Every structure is written in C-alpha cells, then in structure tokens.
C-alpha cells in the first residue's frame, strides 16, 4: 500500500484547460487522461490525499469520476467542492475521509500540513504546507509546496509520467527532507 497526493484536478471543468494550458483538447479528453494517469500510478488499496477542487458538476459527474478511480480517497475540501455533493459521496462510500479545513500527516519526522489554500506557517523545522488552489503559481516560500496538477513542482515530481499523475508520498517526503536540509542544514 502506497500513499499519493494531488490537488486541483478540476474534473469536468472545461475552462481550466485554457486557463492553465493543460495538454488536452476538451473536457472528455482531460477527464480520460487524468483518470488514466491516476489509475496507472494508484493501486486499489493505496490512499490518495486530494487537496481540493476535485470535480465540477453535480452528483452524477462526481459519481461517474469517483467510481472509476482506484484507491482510497481522502479529500481536503476546496473552494469548488460543494458540501452537499461531498457528503453524498462520503455516504455512498466513494470517499474514505473528508476534511473541511485540512489535516496533518507526520512522515519521517516531517509535519505535513495538508490544506487546499496555502497556509502561512512560517519557516519552522520539519514543518511544511502541502496545498493546491493556486494552480500554476507558487507562494514563493520553501515551506509551501503546491502539489496541484498544474504546478511546476508537481510536474517536476512526476517527471515523465502523464499529466495529472498523483505524486507518490514517499518520493515527496524525500524531496521535503532535501529542502529541509537546504533550509536548516543537517542538525541531527
């Protein structure tokens, strides 16, 4: 079982293709491409932490997409994730957990604050904010890492894998430890 992280998939959102210059010609191609990339990386028993703005549209769109994705999905709600729909998906067993504001994971001595919006936590030892919301933009601090599918950071983390591939959390933690060492040196 592995863990992954992603944000801002915006399934079924046609305008996002032009807004972020995604490599798709239309919504159907984007949805199919994102689903294929997800399912190629994620196994049935893996967990994906999705940091918000999962899907546009109503219950049927959400159901159609979630029903096709592998893994257990933990959703940190984004500004486009409607509570009524999210609660329905949770009740139908299509989401494993839902967090309205965020969650904290501790991995290899690092504290990972998972939020949709960037969280200004200050430069502190072993503290990082993994977020989405700002698409191709960055906050400009070493402790805020935009893991959204449109971010340069996410693209670098997935390398030559297809656009929208969720980031493997163990690889991300290794990169975070490298960043931590650059910020503070090897104090241990």
N, C-alpha and C. Protein backbone atom coordinates (compact mmCIF):
# COMPACT_ATOMS: atom_id res chain seq x y z
N UNK A 1 0.84 -1.19 0.00
CA UNK A 1 0.00 0.00 0.00
C UNK A 1 0.88 1.24 0.00
N UNK A 2 0.58 2.14 -0.90
CA UNK A 2 1.33 3.38 -1.03
C UNK A 2 0.37 4.56 -0.84
N UNK A 3 0.95 5.71 -0.57
CA UNK A 3 0.18 6.94 -0.43
C UNK A 3 0.59 7.92 -1.52
N UNK A 4 -0.37 8.68 -1.98
CA UNK A 4 -0.17 9.68 -3.03
C UNK A 4 -0.83 10.98 -2.62
N UNK A 5 -0.47 12.05 -3.33
CA UNK A 5 -1.07 13.35 -3.06
C UNK A 5 -1.26 14.10 -4.37
N UNK A 6 -2.34 14.86 -4.44
CA UNK A 6 -2.63 15.67 -5.62
C UNK A 6 -3.61 16.76 -5.22
N UNK A 7 -3.88 17.67 -6.14
CA UNK A 7 -4.87 18.73 -5.91
C UNK A 7 -5.30 19.32 -7.25
N UNK A 8 -6.43 19.98 -7.23
CA UNK A 8 -6.91 20.78 -8.36
C UNK A 8 -7.06 20.00 -9.66
N UNK A 9 -7.60 18.80 -9.58
CA UNK A 9 -7.85 18.05 -10.82
C UNK A 9 -8.91 18.72 -11.67
N UNK A 10 -9.89 19.32 -11.05
CA UNK A 10 -10.96 20.03 -11.77
C UNK A 10 -11.57 19.15 -12.86
N UNK A 11 -11.87 17.89 -12.52
CA UNK A 11 -12.58 17.05 -13.48
C UNK A 11 -13.83 17.79 -13.96
N UNK A 12 -14.18 17.62 -15.23
CA UNK A 12 -15.40 18.16 -15.85
C UNK A 12 -15.41 19.69 -15.97
N UNK A 13 -14.29 20.35 -15.80
CA UNK A 13 -14.21 21.82 -15.87
C UNK A 13 -13.52 22.21 -17.18
N UNK A 14 -14.31 22.57 -18.17
CA UNK A 14 -13.78 22.89 -19.49
C UNK A 14 -12.84 24.08 -19.53
N UNK A 15 -13.16 25.13 -18.80
CA UNK A 15 -12.35 26.35 -18.86
C UNK A 15 -10.94 26.18 -18.30
N UNK A 16 -10.75 25.20 -17.41
CA UNK A 16 -9.42 25.02 -16.80
C UNK A 16 -8.38 24.64 -17.84
N UNK A 17 -8.82 24.02 -18.93
CA UNK A 17 -7.89 23.60 -19.99
C UNK A 17 -7.18 24.82 -20.56
N UNK A 18 -7.93 25.87 -20.86
CA UNK A 18 -7.32 27.10 -21.38
C UNK A 18 -6.67 27.92 -20.28
N UNK A 19 -7.32 28.02 -19.11
CA UNK A 19 -6.77 28.81 -18.01
C UNK A 19 -5.35 28.36 -17.67
N UNK A 20 -5.11 27.06 -17.66
CA UNK A 20 -3.82 26.53 -17.23
C UNK A 20 -3.02 25.85 -18.34
N UNK A 21 -3.47 26.01 -19.57
CA UNK A 21 -2.78 25.42 -20.74
C UNK A 21 -2.55 23.91 -20.54
N UNK A 22 -3.59 23.23 -20.10
CA UNK A 22 -3.49 21.78 -19.93
C UNK A 22 -3.39 21.11 -21.30
N UNK A 23 -2.70 19.98 -21.36
CA UNK A 23 -2.44 19.34 -22.67
C UNK A 23 -3.61 18.50 -23.19
N UNK A 24 -4.81 19.09 -23.22
CA UNK A 24 -5.99 18.36 -23.67
C UNK A 24 -6.80 19.27 -24.59
N UNK A 25 -7.53 18.66 -25.52
CA UNK A 25 -8.33 19.44 -26.46
C UNK A 25 -9.77 19.64 -25.99
N UNK A 26 -10.19 18.93 -24.97
CA UNK A 26 -11.55 19.08 -24.47
C UNK A 26 -11.74 18.38 -23.14
N UNK A 27 -12.92 18.55 -22.56
CA UNK A 27 -13.21 18.01 -21.23
C UNK A 27 -13.14 16.49 -21.20
N UNK A 28 -13.74 15.84 -22.19
CA UNK A 28 -13.73 14.37 -22.20
C UNK A 28 -12.30 13.84 -22.27
N UNK A 29 -11.48 14.44 -23.12
CA UNK A 29 -10.08 14.01 -23.22
C UNK A 29 -9.34 14.26 -21.91
N UNK A 30 -9.61 15.40 -21.27
CA UNK A 30 -8.96 15.71 -20.00
C UNK A 30 -9.39 14.70 -18.93
N UNK A 31 -10.68 14.47 -18.80
CA UNK A 31 -11.16 13.51 -17.80
C UNK A 31 -10.53 12.14 -18.02
N UNK A 32 -10.54 11.66 -19.24
CA UNK A 32 -9.98 10.34 -19.54
C UNK A 32 -8.48 10.32 -19.27
N UNK A 33 -7.78 11.40 -19.63
CA UNK A 33 -6.33 11.47 -19.39
C UNK A 33 -5.98 11.47 -17.91
N UNK A 34 -6.74 12.24 -17.12
CA UNK A 34 -6.49 12.30 -15.68
C UNK A 34 -6.82 10.97 -15.00
N UNK A 35 -7.91 10.35 -15.42
CA UNK A 35 -8.28 9.04 -14.86
C UNK A 35 -7.22 8.00 -15.19
N UNK A 36 -6.77 7.97 -16.43
CA UNK A 36 -5.75 7.00 -16.85
C UNK A 36 -4.45 7.22 -16.08
N UNK A 37 -4.03 8.48 -15.94
CA UNK A 37 -2.79 8.78 -15.21
C UNK A 37 -2.91 8.35 -13.75
N UNK A 38 -4.03 8.65 -13.13
CA UNK A 38 -4.30 8.27 -11.74
C UNK A 38 -4.23 6.76 -11.59
N UNK A 39 -5.00 6.05 -12.42
CA UNK A 39 -5.10 4.60 -12.27
C UNK A 39 -3.83 3.85 -12.65
N UNK A 40 -3.00 4.45 -13.46
CA UNK A 40 -1.71 3.83 -13.79
C UNK A 40 -0.77 3.86 -12.58
N UNK A 41 -0.87 4.90 -11.76
CA UNK A 41 0.02 5.07 -10.60
C UNK A 41 -0.55 4.45 -9.33
N UNK A 42 -1.86 4.56 -9.14
CA UNK A 42 -2.51 4.22 -7.88
C UNK A 42 -3.12 2.82 -7.94
N UNK A 43 -2.87 2.03 -6.90
CA UNK A 43 -3.48 0.71 -6.79
C UNK A 43 -4.76 0.74 -5.98
N UNK A 44 -5.50 -0.36 -6.00
CA UNK A 44 -6.79 -0.44 -5.33
C UNK A 44 -6.71 -0.17 -3.83
N UNK A 45 -5.61 -0.57 -3.18
CA UNK A 45 -5.50 -0.41 -1.73
C UNK A 45 -4.67 0.80 -1.32
N UNK A 46 -4.23 1.59 -2.28
CA UNK A 46 -3.45 2.79 -1.99
C UNK A 46 -4.38 3.91 -1.50
N UNK A 47 -3.78 4.94 -0.91
CA UNK A 47 -4.53 6.11 -0.45
C UNK A 47 -4.06 7.33 -1.22
N UNK A 48 -5.02 8.13 -1.67
CA UNK A 48 -4.72 9.39 -2.35
C UNK A 48 -5.29 10.52 -1.51
N UNK A 49 -4.42 11.43 -1.10
CA UNK A 49 -4.84 12.65 -0.42
C UNK A 49 -5.08 13.69 -1.51
N UNK A 50 -6.32 14.08 -1.71
CA UNK A 50 -6.68 15.06 -2.73
C UNK A 50 -6.97 16.37 -2.01
N UNK A 51 -6.18 17.40 -2.32
CA UNK A 51 -6.25 18.66 -1.59
C UNK A 51 -7.21 19.66 -2.24
N UNK A 52 -8.32 19.18 -2.71
CA UNK A 52 -9.41 20.06 -3.10
C UNK A 52 -9.53 20.40 -4.56
N UNK A 53 -10.72 20.90 -4.89
CA UNK A 53 -11.17 21.21 -6.24
C UNK A 53 -11.08 19.96 -7.11
N UNK A 54 -11.82 18.95 -6.66
CA UNK A 54 -11.81 17.66 -7.31
C UNK A 54 -12.56 17.67 -8.64
N UNK A 55 -13.82 18.11 -8.62
CA UNK A 55 -14.67 17.95 -9.80
C UNK A 55 -15.70 19.07 -9.87
N UNK A 56 -16.02 19.49 -11.08
CA UNK A 56 -17.12 20.43 -11.31
C UNK A 56 -18.35 19.61 -11.69
N UNK A 57 -19.51 20.19 -11.49
CA UNK A 57 -20.74 19.49 -11.84
C UNK A 57 -21.41 18.90 -10.62
N UNK A 58 -22.53 18.28 -10.85
CA UNK A 58 -23.33 17.74 -9.78
C UNK A 58 -22.97 16.33 -9.38
N UNK A 59 -23.85 15.73 -8.61
CA UNK A 59 -23.65 14.40 -8.06
C UNK A 59 -23.29 13.37 -9.12
N UNK A 60 -23.97 13.39 -10.26
CA UNK A 60 -23.72 12.39 -11.30
C UNK A 60 -22.30 12.47 -11.84
N UNK A 61 -21.80 13.67 -12.03
CA UNK A 61 -20.42 13.83 -12.52
C UNK A 61 -19.42 13.30 -11.50
N UNK A 62 -19.60 13.67 -10.24
CA UNK A 62 -18.72 13.20 -9.19
C UNK A 62 -18.75 11.68 -9.12
N UNK A 63 -19.95 11.11 -9.13
CA UNK A 63 -20.09 9.66 -9.03
C UNK A 63 -19.38 8.98 -10.19
N UNK A 64 -19.61 9.49 -11.40
CA UNK A 64 -19.00 8.91 -12.60
C UNK A 64 -17.47 8.87 -12.51
N UNK A 65 -16.88 9.96 -12.02
CA UNK A 65 -15.42 10.04 -11.91
C UNK A 65 -14.92 9.17 -10.75
N UNK A 66 -15.47 9.37 -9.56
CA UNK A 66 -15.01 8.62 -8.38
C UNK A 66 -15.14 7.12 -8.56
N UNK A 67 -16.19 6.69 -9.21
CA UNK A 67 -16.42 5.27 -9.41
C UNK A 67 -15.33 4.62 -10.27
N UNK A 68 -14.63 5.41 -11.05
CA UNK A 68 -13.59 4.88 -11.95
C UNK A 68 -12.18 4.99 -11.39
N UNK A 69 -11.99 5.71 -10.30
CA UNK A 69 -10.65 5.92 -9.76
C UNK A 69 -10.28 4.83 -8.76
N UNK A 70 -9.04 4.37 -8.84
CA UNK A 70 -8.52 3.40 -7.88
C UNK A 70 -8.12 4.10 -6.59
N UNK A 71 -8.08 3.31 -5.52
CA UNK A 71 -7.56 3.80 -4.25
C UNK A 71 -8.62 4.34 -3.33
N UNK A 72 -8.17 4.62 -2.13
CA UNK A 72 -8.99 5.24 -1.08
C UNK A 72 -8.71 6.73 -1.11
N UNK A 73 -9.73 7.53 -1.24
CA UNK A 73 -9.54 8.97 -1.43
C UNK A 73 -9.91 9.72 -0.16
N UNK A 74 -8.92 10.49 0.32
CA UNK A 74 -9.11 11.40 1.44
C UNK A 74 -9.17 12.80 0.84
N UNK A 75 -10.28 13.47 0.98
CA UNK A 75 -10.48 14.78 0.37
C UNK A 75 -10.38 15.89 1.41
N UNK A 76 -9.49 16.84 1.13
CA UNK A 76 -9.45 18.11 1.84
C UNK A 76 -10.27 19.05 0.96
N UNK A 77 -11.40 19.51 1.44
CA UNK A 77 -12.31 20.27 0.58
C UNK A 77 -11.67 21.55 0.05
N UNK A 78 -11.92 21.78 -1.24
CA UNK A 78 -11.51 23.02 -1.89
C UNK A 78 -12.69 23.95 -2.05
N UNK A 79 -12.44 25.13 -2.56
CA UNK A 79 -13.50 26.12 -2.70
C UNK A 79 -14.55 25.73 -3.74
N UNK A 80 -14.26 24.80 -4.63
CA UNK A 80 -15.24 24.35 -5.62
C UNK A 80 -15.92 23.04 -5.24
N UNK A 81 -15.58 22.46 -4.09
CA UNK A 81 -16.15 21.19 -3.66
C UNK A 81 -17.37 21.45 -2.78
N UNK A 82 -18.54 21.27 -3.35
CA UNK A 82 -19.79 21.60 -2.65
C UNK A 82 -20.09 20.58 -1.55
N UNK A 83 -20.37 21.10 -0.37
CA UNK A 83 -20.58 20.27 0.82
C UNK A 83 -21.65 19.20 0.60
N UNK A 84 -22.76 19.57 0.01
CA UNK A 84 -23.85 18.62 -0.19
C UNK A 84 -23.40 17.44 -1.06
N UNK A 85 -22.67 17.72 -2.11
CA UNK A 85 -22.19 16.65 -3.01
C UNK A 85 -21.12 15.82 -2.31
N UNK A 86 -20.19 16.48 -1.63
CA UNK A 86 -19.12 15.76 -0.92
C UNK A 86 -19.72 14.84 0.14
N UNK A 87 -20.69 15.33 0.89
CA UNK A 87 -21.34 14.50 1.91
C UNK A 87 -22.03 13.29 1.28
N UNK A 88 -22.63 13.48 0.13
CA UNK A 88 -23.30 12.37 -0.57
C UNK A 88 -22.27 11.33 -1.01
N UNK A 89 -21.14 11.79 -1.55
CA UNK A 89 -20.09 10.86 -2.00
C UNK A 89 -19.53 10.07 -0.81
N UNK A 90 -19.41 10.74 0.32
CA UNK A 90 -18.94 10.07 1.54
C UNK A 90 -19.97 9.02 1.98
N UNK A 91 -21.25 9.37 1.96
CA UNK A 91 -22.30 8.44 2.36
C UNK A 91 -22.37 7.24 1.42
N UNK A 92 -22.03 7.44 0.16
CA UNK A 92 -22.06 6.35 -0.82
C UNK A 92 -20.76 5.54 -0.82
N UNK A 93 -19.82 5.91 0.07
CA UNK A 93 -18.59 5.14 0.19
C UNK A 93 -17.56 5.41 -0.89
N UNK A 94 -17.71 6.51 -1.60
CA UNK A 94 -16.77 6.83 -2.68
C UNK A 94 -15.59 7.67 -2.20
N UNK A 95 -15.71 8.23 -1.01
CA UNK A 95 -14.61 8.94 -0.36
C UNK A 95 -14.35 8.25 0.98
N UNK A 96 -13.09 8.14 1.36
CA UNK A 96 -12.71 7.48 2.61
C UNK A 96 -12.82 8.42 3.80
N UNK A 97 -12.36 9.65 3.60
CA UNK A 97 -12.41 10.70 4.64
C UNK A 97 -12.62 12.03 3.94
N UNK A 98 -13.19 12.97 4.67
CA UNK A 98 -13.33 14.35 4.19
C UNK A 98 -12.93 15.27 5.33
N UNK A 99 -12.12 16.28 5.01
CA UNK A 99 -11.71 17.30 5.97
C UNK A 99 -12.09 18.66 5.39
N UNK A 100 -12.78 19.46 6.17
CA UNK A 100 -13.22 20.77 5.69
C UNK A 100 -12.08 21.77 5.57
N UNK A 101 -11.15 21.74 6.49
CA UNK A 101 -10.06 22.72 6.50
C UNK A 101 -8.73 22.09 6.13
N UNK A 102 -8.38 21.01 6.77
CA UNK A 102 -7.09 20.39 6.49
C UNK A 102 -6.84 19.20 7.40
N UNK A 103 -5.64 18.67 7.28
CA UNK A 103 -5.21 17.55 8.08
C UNK A 103 -3.70 17.65 8.21
N UNK A 104 -3.14 16.92 9.16
CA UNK A 104 -1.69 16.90 9.35
C UNK A 104 -1.22 15.46 9.30
N UNK A 105 -0.22 15.21 8.47
CA UNK A 105 0.44 13.91 8.43
C UNK A 105 1.84 14.07 8.98
N UNK A 106 2.30 13.08 9.72
CA UNK A 106 3.69 13.07 10.16
C UNK A 106 4.37 11.92 9.44
N UNK A 107 5.40 12.24 8.67
CA UNK A 107 6.14 11.24 7.91
C UNK A 107 7.63 11.49 8.05
N UNK A 108 8.35 10.47 8.49
CA UNK A 108 9.80 10.55 8.61
C UNK A 108 10.26 11.79 9.37
N UNK A 109 9.54 12.14 10.42
CA UNK A 109 9.90 13.28 11.24
C UNK A 109 9.46 14.62 10.70
N UNK A 110 8.78 14.63 9.54
CA UNK A 110 8.30 15.86 8.92
C UNK A 110 6.80 16.01 9.19
N UNK A 111 6.38 17.22 9.49
CA UNK A 111 4.97 17.51 9.69
C UNK A 111 4.43 18.13 8.41
N UNK A 112 3.49 17.44 7.79
CA UNK A 112 2.92 17.88 6.51
C UNK A 112 1.51 18.39 6.76
N UNK A 113 1.35 19.69 6.68
CA UNK A 113 0.05 20.33 6.84
C UNK A 113 -0.64 20.30 5.48
N UNK A 114 -1.71 19.52 5.37
CA UNK A 114 -2.43 19.35 4.12
C UNK A 114 -3.62 20.30 4.10
N UNK A 115 -3.63 21.23 3.15
CA UNK A 115 -4.71 22.20 3.03
C UNK A 115 -5.01 22.44 1.56
N UNK A 116 -6.15 23.02 1.28
CA UNK A 116 -6.42 23.45 -0.10
C UNK A 116 -5.73 24.78 -0.37
N UNK A 117 -6.00 25.74 0.50
CA UNK A 117 -5.38 27.06 0.36
C UNK A 117 -3.98 27.04 0.97
N UNK A 118 -3.04 27.83 0.42
CA UNK A 118 -1.73 27.93 1.06
C UNK A 118 -1.89 28.38 2.51
N UNK A 119 -1.08 27.81 3.38
CA UNK A 119 -1.13 28.09 4.81
C UNK A 119 0.21 28.69 5.20
N UNK A 120 0.21 29.89 5.74
CA UNK A 120 1.45 30.55 6.13
C UNK A 120 1.83 30.12 7.54
N UNK A 121 2.74 29.16 7.62
CA UNK A 121 3.14 28.61 8.91
C UNK A 121 4.48 29.15 9.37
N UNK A 122 5.16 29.89 8.52
CA UNK A 122 6.48 30.38 8.87
C UNK A 122 7.53 29.32 8.66
N UNK A 123 8.76 29.75 8.60
CA UNK A 123 9.86 28.81 8.38
C UNK A 123 10.23 28.16 9.70
N UNK A 124 9.77 26.93 9.86
CA UNK A 124 9.99 26.19 11.10
C UNK A 124 10.56 24.82 10.75
N UNK A 125 11.40 24.30 11.62
CA UNK A 125 11.98 22.98 11.40
C UNK A 125 10.90 21.93 11.17
N UNK A 126 11.08 21.14 10.12
CA UNK A 126 10.26 19.97 9.81
C UNK A 126 8.77 20.28 9.60
N UNK A 127 8.44 21.53 9.29
CA UNK A 127 7.05 21.93 9.06
C UNK A 127 6.89 22.35 7.60
N UNK A 128 5.96 21.73 6.90
CA UNK A 128 5.68 22.07 5.51
C UNK A 128 4.18 22.14 5.29
N UNK A 129 3.78 22.98 4.36
CA UNK A 129 2.39 23.06 3.94
C UNK A 129 2.31 22.54 2.51
N UNK A 130 1.54 21.49 2.33
CA UNK A 130 1.24 20.96 1.00
C UNK A 130 -0.15 21.45 0.65
N UNK A 131 -0.29 22.09 -0.48
CA UNK A 131 -1.56 22.74 -0.82
C UNK A 131 -1.79 22.72 -2.33
N UNK A 132 -2.93 23.22 -2.70
CA UNK A 132 -3.30 23.42 -4.10
C UNK A 132 -3.78 24.85 -4.26
N UNK A 133 -4.92 25.02 -4.93
CA UNK A 133 -5.67 26.26 -5.11
C UNK A 133 -5.05 27.26 -6.08
N UNK A 134 -3.75 27.41 -6.12
CA UNK A 134 -3.16 28.49 -6.91
C UNK A 134 -2.64 28.00 -8.27
N UNK A 135 -2.98 26.80 -8.63
CA UNK A 135 -2.70 26.21 -9.94
C UNK A 135 -1.23 26.35 -10.34
N UNK A 136 -0.92 27.10 -11.37
CA UNK A 136 0.46 27.19 -11.85
C UNK A 136 1.32 28.17 -11.10
N UNK A 137 0.79 28.80 -10.07
CA UNK A 137 1.54 29.80 -9.31
C UNK A 137 2.24 29.17 -8.11
N UNK A 138 3.13 29.92 -7.51
CA UNK A 138 3.79 29.48 -6.28
C UNK A 138 3.63 30.57 -5.22
N UNK A 139 3.77 30.18 -3.98
CA UNK A 139 3.73 31.14 -2.88
C UNK A 139 5.09 31.82 -2.75
N UNK A 140 6.14 31.12 -3.12
CA UNK A 140 7.47 31.71 -3.08
C UNK A 140 8.22 31.46 -1.78
N UNK A 141 7.76 30.51 -0.98
CA UNK A 141 8.49 30.14 0.23
C UNK A 141 8.85 28.66 0.13
N UNK A 142 9.93 28.29 0.77
CA UNK A 142 10.39 26.91 0.67
C UNK A 142 9.54 25.93 1.46
N UNK A 143 8.70 26.43 2.35
CA UNK A 143 7.89 25.54 3.17
C UNK A 143 6.47 25.37 2.64
N UNK A 144 6.09 26.11 1.60
CA UNK A 144 4.79 25.95 0.94
C UNK A 144 5.01 25.25 -0.39
N UNK A 145 4.49 24.05 -0.53
CA UNK A 145 4.68 23.28 -1.75
C UNK A 145 3.32 23.06 -2.42
N UNK A 146 3.18 23.62 -3.60
CA UNK A 146 1.96 23.49 -4.38
C UNK A 146 2.00 22.14 -5.09
N UNK A 147 1.13 21.22 -4.68
CA UNK A 147 1.10 19.88 -5.26
C UNK A 147 -0.04 19.72 -6.28
N UNK A 148 -0.66 20.83 -6.68
CA UNK A 148 -1.72 20.78 -7.68
C UNK A 148 -1.19 20.33 -9.03
N UNK A 149 -2.04 19.68 -9.81
CA UNK A 149 -1.60 19.09 -11.08
C UNK A 149 -1.00 20.11 -12.04
N UNK A 150 -1.38 21.37 -11.93
CA UNK A 150 -0.86 22.40 -12.84
C UNK A 150 0.45 23.03 -12.37
N UNK A 151 0.90 22.69 -11.17
CA UNK A 151 2.08 23.36 -10.61
C UNK A 151 3.38 22.82 -11.21
N UNK A 152 4.35 23.70 -11.29
CA UNK A 152 5.69 23.32 -11.76
C UNK A 152 6.28 22.27 -10.81
N UNK A 153 6.04 22.43 -9.52
CA UNK A 153 6.56 21.48 -8.53
C UNK A 153 6.01 20.09 -8.79
N UNK A 154 4.69 19.97 -8.98
CA UNK A 154 4.08 18.65 -9.23
C UNK A 154 4.62 18.05 -10.51
N UNK A 155 4.76 18.87 -11.54
CA UNK A 155 5.30 18.37 -12.81
C UNK A 155 6.72 17.84 -12.64
N UNK A 156 7.52 18.53 -11.84
CA UNK A 156 8.89 18.07 -11.58
C UNK A 156 8.88 16.76 -10.79
N UNK A 157 7.97 16.65 -9.83
CA UNK A 157 7.91 15.45 -9.00
C UNK A 157 7.48 14.21 -9.80
N UNK A 158 6.60 14.37 -10.78
CA UNK A 158 6.14 13.20 -11.54
C UNK A 158 7.04 12.90 -12.74
N UNK A 159 7.90 13.85 -13.10
CA UNK A 159 8.85 13.61 -14.18
C UNK A 159 8.17 13.34 -15.51
N UNK A 160 8.50 12.25 -16.14
CA UNK A 160 7.98 11.92 -17.47
C UNK A 160 6.65 11.18 -17.44
N UNK A 161 6.05 11.07 -16.30
CA UNK A 161 4.74 10.41 -16.21
C UNK A 161 3.67 11.33 -16.80
N UNK A 162 2.52 10.78 -17.15
CA UNK A 162 1.46 11.59 -17.77
C UNK A 162 0.98 12.73 -16.87
N UNK A 163 0.54 13.81 -17.52
CA UNK A 163 -0.02 14.96 -16.81
C UNK A 163 -1.11 14.50 -15.85
N UNK A 164 -1.05 15.00 -14.62
CA UNK A 164 -2.07 14.71 -13.63
C UNK A 164 -1.79 13.49 -12.78
N UNK A 165 -0.66 12.82 -12.99
CA UNK A 165 -0.31 11.68 -12.16
C UNK A 165 -0.15 12.15 -10.72
N UNK A 166 -0.82 11.52 -9.76
CA UNK A 166 -0.62 11.89 -8.36
C UNK A 166 0.84 11.66 -7.94
N UNK A 167 1.33 12.48 -7.02
CA UNK A 167 2.71 12.39 -6.53
C UNK A 167 2.79 11.31 -5.46
N UNK A 168 3.76 10.42 -5.59
CA UNK A 168 3.97 9.37 -4.60
C UNK A 168 4.52 10.02 -3.33
N UNK A 169 3.88 9.78 -2.20
CA UNK A 169 4.19 10.50 -0.97
C UNK A 169 5.60 10.20 -0.44
N UNK A 170 6.08 8.98 -0.56
CA UNK A 170 7.44 8.69 -0.10
C UNK A 170 8.48 9.48 -0.87
N UNK A 171 8.30 9.61 -2.19
CA UNK A 171 9.22 10.41 -3.00
C UNK A 171 9.13 11.88 -2.61
N UNK A 172 7.92 12.34 -2.32
CA UNK A 172 7.73 13.72 -1.90
C UNK A 172 8.41 13.98 -0.56
N UNK A 173 8.32 13.05 0.36
CA UNK A 173 8.97 13.22 1.67
C UNK A 173 10.49 13.28 1.50
N UNK A 174 11.04 12.50 0.60
CA UNK A 174 12.48 12.58 0.34
C UNK A 174 12.87 13.96 -0.18
N UNK A 175 12.05 14.53 -1.05
CA UNK A 175 12.30 15.88 -1.57
C UNK A 175 12.15 16.91 -0.44
N UNK A 176 11.19 16.72 0.42
CA UNK A 176 10.97 17.61 1.56
C UNK A 176 12.18 17.57 2.50
N UNK A 177 12.71 16.38 2.73
CA UNK A 177 13.90 16.28 3.60
C UNK A 177 15.09 16.99 2.96
N UNK A 178 15.20 16.92 1.63
CA UNK A 178 16.28 17.65 0.94
C UNK A 178 16.09 19.16 1.12
N UNK A 179 14.86 19.63 0.98
CA UNK A 179 14.57 21.06 1.17
C UNK A 179 14.85 21.47 2.60
N UNK A 180 14.45 20.64 3.55
CA UNK A 180 14.71 20.91 4.97
C UNK A 180 16.21 21.04 5.22
N UNK A 181 16.99 20.17 4.63
CA UNK A 181 18.44 20.22 4.80
C UNK A 181 19.02 21.50 4.19
N UNK A 182 18.49 21.94 3.05
CA UNK A 182 18.93 23.20 2.45
C UNK A 182 18.58 24.39 3.35
N UNK A 183 17.42 24.34 3.97
CA UNK A 183 16.96 25.45 4.82
C UNK A 183 17.75 25.53 6.12
N UNK A 184 17.96 24.40 6.76
CA UNK A 184 18.49 24.42 8.12
C UNK A 184 19.79 23.64 8.29
N UNK A 185 20.22 22.93 7.28
CA UNK A 185 21.41 22.10 7.41
C UNK A 185 21.08 20.81 8.12
N UNK A 186 22.02 19.93 8.19
CA UNK A 186 21.83 18.62 8.82
C UNK A 186 22.13 18.76 10.30
N UNK A 187 21.08 19.00 11.10
CA UNK A 187 21.26 19.25 12.55
C UNK A 187 21.14 18.00 13.39
N UNK A 188 20.92 16.87 12.76
CA UNK A 188 20.63 15.69 13.59
C UNK A 188 21.80 14.78 13.72
